[in-house]
Amino acid sequence: MLRTRTMAAAAAAASAAGLALLPMPAQAAAGSVHLYKIYYDSPGSDRGSNASLNAEYVQIRNTTSTAVSLKGWTLVDASNHRYVFGAYTLGRGKTVTVHTGKGTNNAAHRYQGRAWYVWNNDKDTATLRKSTGARVDTCSYNSTRADYKLC
């Protein structure tokens, strides 16, 4: 009986706060390493400056409770432009930004070292794969009305 009252009280409180009590998928509860955001149309005209190239990026988020080694993992677009992570560990609860241009790698930012753009300004697909080739996540966009896509 106590559990019924507790659940009813929680439901009433959630309802009053405008929230819904829905079951969480098992994966959401455990967390994941996933594509979070693609900023595919950097500000200004696409003239290929390193600043413009680095304003085009993909963010990968780790929502697990442990750090995850991304060594050998790949980030690829629909045209098969491929970025391979070297020795790198994404901390628990952290996000890494993979920029298209050149720069100095650190814990929060990785650089592909490219001289031209990877992500199309109208539509493309990002795929994240483990070193084994297993697909971890995919995120697609098909719009020129925005400059980025939250995955």
Protein backbone atom coordinates (compact mmCIF):
# COMPACT_ATOMS: atom_id res chain seq x y z
CA MET A 1 0.00 0.00 0.00
CA LEU A 2 2.87 2.40 0.82
CA ARG A 3 4.39 1.89 -2.63
CA THR A 4 1.05 2.70 -4.29
CA ARG A 5 0.78 5.94 -2.32
CA THR A 6 4.42 6.84 -3.08
CA MET A 7 3.94 6.24 -6.81
CA ALA A 8 0.67 8.16 -6.76
CA ALA A 9 2.33 11.05 -4.94
CA ALA A 10 5.23 11.05 -7.42
CA ALA A 11 2.82 11.00 -10.35
CA ALA A 12 0.83 13.87 -8.86
CA ALA A 13 3.99 15.91 -8.26
CA ALA A 14 5.25 15.25 -11.79
CA SER A 15 1.87 16.16 -13.23
CA ALA A 16 1.80 19.39 -11.24
CA ALA A 17 5.29 20.21 -12.53
CA GLY A 18 4.22 19.47 -16.12
CA LEU A 19 6.35 16.35 -16.39
CA ALA A 20 5.42 12.88 -17.57
CA LEU A 21 6.52 9.73 -15.81
CA LEU A 22 7.60 7.47 -18.62
CA PRO A 23 9.76 4.38 -18.47
CA MET A 24 13.34 5.05 -19.51
CA PRO A 25 14.84 2.78 -22.17
CA ALA A 26 17.56 0.51 -20.80
CA GLN A 27 20.19 2.19 -23.01
CA ALA A 28 19.27 5.67 -21.77
CA ALA A 29 19.64 4.55 -18.15
CA ALA A 30 23.06 2.97 -18.83
CA GLY A 31 24.23 5.83 -21.07
CA SER A 32 26.02 5.67 -24.38
CA VAL A 33 28.69 7.17 -26.57
CA HIS A 34 26.79 8.91 -29.34
CA LEU A 35 26.78 11.66 -31.92
CA TYR A 36 25.42 14.76 -30.23
CA LYS A 37 25.65 17.66 -32.71
CA ILE A 38 26.76 18.32 -36.29
CA TYR A 39 27.54 21.95 -37.12
CA TYR A 40 27.58 21.50 -40.88
CA ASP A 41 27.38 25.06 -42.24
CA SER A 42 30.06 27.24 -40.66
CA PRO A 43 29.25 30.97 -40.41
CA GLY A 44 30.05 33.17 -43.40
CA SER A 45 31.02 32.13 -46.89
CA ASP A 46 32.86 28.87 -47.45
CA ARG A 47 36.26 30.15 -48.55
CA GLY A 48 38.31 27.46 -46.85
CA SER A 49 40.04 29.46 -44.13
CA ASN A 50 41.15 27.34 -41.18
CA ALA A 51 38.84 29.31 -38.87
CA SER A 52 35.90 28.53 -41.16
CA LEU A 53 36.89 24.87 -41.45
CA ASN A 54 37.09 24.56 -37.68
CA ALA A 55 33.65 26.12 -37.27
CA GLU A 56 32.38 22.98 -39.04
CA TYR A 57 32.42 20.14 -36.50
CA VAL A 58 30.80 17.08 -34.98
CA GLN A 59 30.34 16.59 -31.24
CA ILE A 60 30.45 13.15 -29.65
CA ARG A 61 29.13 12.73 -26.11
CA ASN A 62 29.80 10.04 -23.52
CA THR A 63 26.83 9.66 -21.16
CA THR A 64 28.12 6.44 -19.60
CA SER A 65 29.49 6.27 -16.05
CA THR A 66 33.00 5.34 -17.25
CA ALA A 67 35.64 6.73 -19.59
CA VAL A 68 35.67 5.10 -23.04
CA SER A 69 38.71 4.59 -25.26
CA LEU A 70 37.96 5.78 -28.80
CA LYS A 71 41.27 4.51 -30.20
CA GLY A 72 40.62 3.27 -33.74
CA TRP A 73 37.01 4.54 -33.79
CA THR A 74 35.97 6.30 -37.00
CA LEU A 75 33.74 9.23 -37.86
CA VAL A 76 32.68 9.18 -41.51
CA ASP A 77 30.32 11.12 -43.77
CA ALA A 78 28.22 9.85 -46.70
CA SER A 79 31.10 10.56 -49.16
CA ASN A 80 33.47 8.44 -47.02
CA HIS A 81 35.57 11.30 -45.60
CA ARG A 82 37.00 9.39 -42.66
CA TYR A 83 38.47 10.59 -39.37
CA VAL A 84 40.16 7.91 -37.25
CA PHE A 85 40.75 8.52 -33.56
CA GLY A 86 44.27 7.85 -32.39
CA ALA A 87 45.01 7.13 -28.74
CA TYR A 88 42.18 9.05 -27.08
CA THR A 89 39.86 8.46 -24.13
CA LEU A 90 36.56 10.30 -23.78
CA GLY A 91 35.87 10.86 -20.10
CA ARG A 92 32.57 9.95 -18.46
CA GLY A 93 30.00 12.66 -19.00
CA LYS A 94 32.30 14.49 -21.45
CA THR A 95 31.89 15.73 -25.01
CA VAL A 96 34.60 15.92 -27.67
CA THR A 97 34.38 18.25 -30.66
CA VAL A 98 35.92 16.94 -33.91
CA HIS A 99 36.77 19.95 -36.11
CA THR A 100 37.36 19.71 -39.85
CA GLY A 101 40.45 21.96 -40.04
CA LYS A 102 43.87 22.03 -38.40
CA GLY A 103 44.65 22.61 -34.73
CA THR A 104 46.22 21.12 -31.62
CA ASN A 105 44.41 18.10 -30.22
CA ASN A 106 43.43 18.15 -26.56
CA ALA A 107 40.87 16.42 -24.33
CA ALA A 108 37.92 18.47 -25.61
CA HIS A 109 38.91 19.17 -29.23
CA ARG A 110 40.25 16.94 -32.01
CA TYR A 111 41.22 18.14 -35.50
CA GLN A 112 40.95 16.28 -38.79
CA GLY A 113 43.63 18.46 -40.43
CA ARG A 114 41.70 18.93 -43.67
CA ALA A 115 42.09 21.78 -46.16
CA TRP A 116 38.46 21.70 -47.33
CA TYR A 117 34.99 21.07 -45.91
CA VAL A 118 33.60 17.62 -45.11
CA TRP A 119 29.95 18.19 -44.17
CA ASN A 120 27.60 19.24 -46.97
CA ASN A 121 25.56 22.39 -46.28
CA ASP A 122 22.26 20.77 -47.28
CA LYS A 123 22.30 17.04 -46.43
CA ASP A 124 24.71 14.41 -45.18
CA THR A 125 25.01 11.51 -42.75
CA ALA A 126 27.54 11.10 -39.96
CA THR A 127 28.37 7.59 -38.79
CA LEU A 128 30.40 6.69 -35.72
CA ARG A 129 31.97 3.21 -35.66
CA LYS A 130 34.05 1.27 -33.17
CA SER A 131 37.51 0.02 -34.15
CA THR A 132 35.85 -3.33 -34.91
CA GLY A 133 33.66 -1.65 -37.55
CA ALA A 134 30.50 -2.00 -35.47
CA ARG A 135 28.19 0.97 -35.95
CA VAL A 136 27.73 2.96 -32.75
CA ASP A 137 25.50 5.80 -34.00
CA THR A 138 24.28 7.57 -37.13
CA CYS A 139 22.88 11.07 -37.55
CA SER A 140 21.48 12.54 -40.78
CA TYR A 141 20.28 15.98 -41.78
CA ASN A 142 18.45 17.28 -44.84
CA SER A 143 17.92 21.02 -44.48
CA THR A 144 19.38 24.37 -45.41
CA ARG A 145 17.16 26.18 -42.91
CA ALA A 146 19.58 25.53 -40.05
CA ASP A 147 23.35 25.45 -39.69
CA TYR A 148 23.45 22.50 -37.31
CA LYS A 149 21.65 19.35 -36.29
CA LEU A 150 21.21 17.99 -32.77
CA CYS A 151 21.33 14.23 -33.05
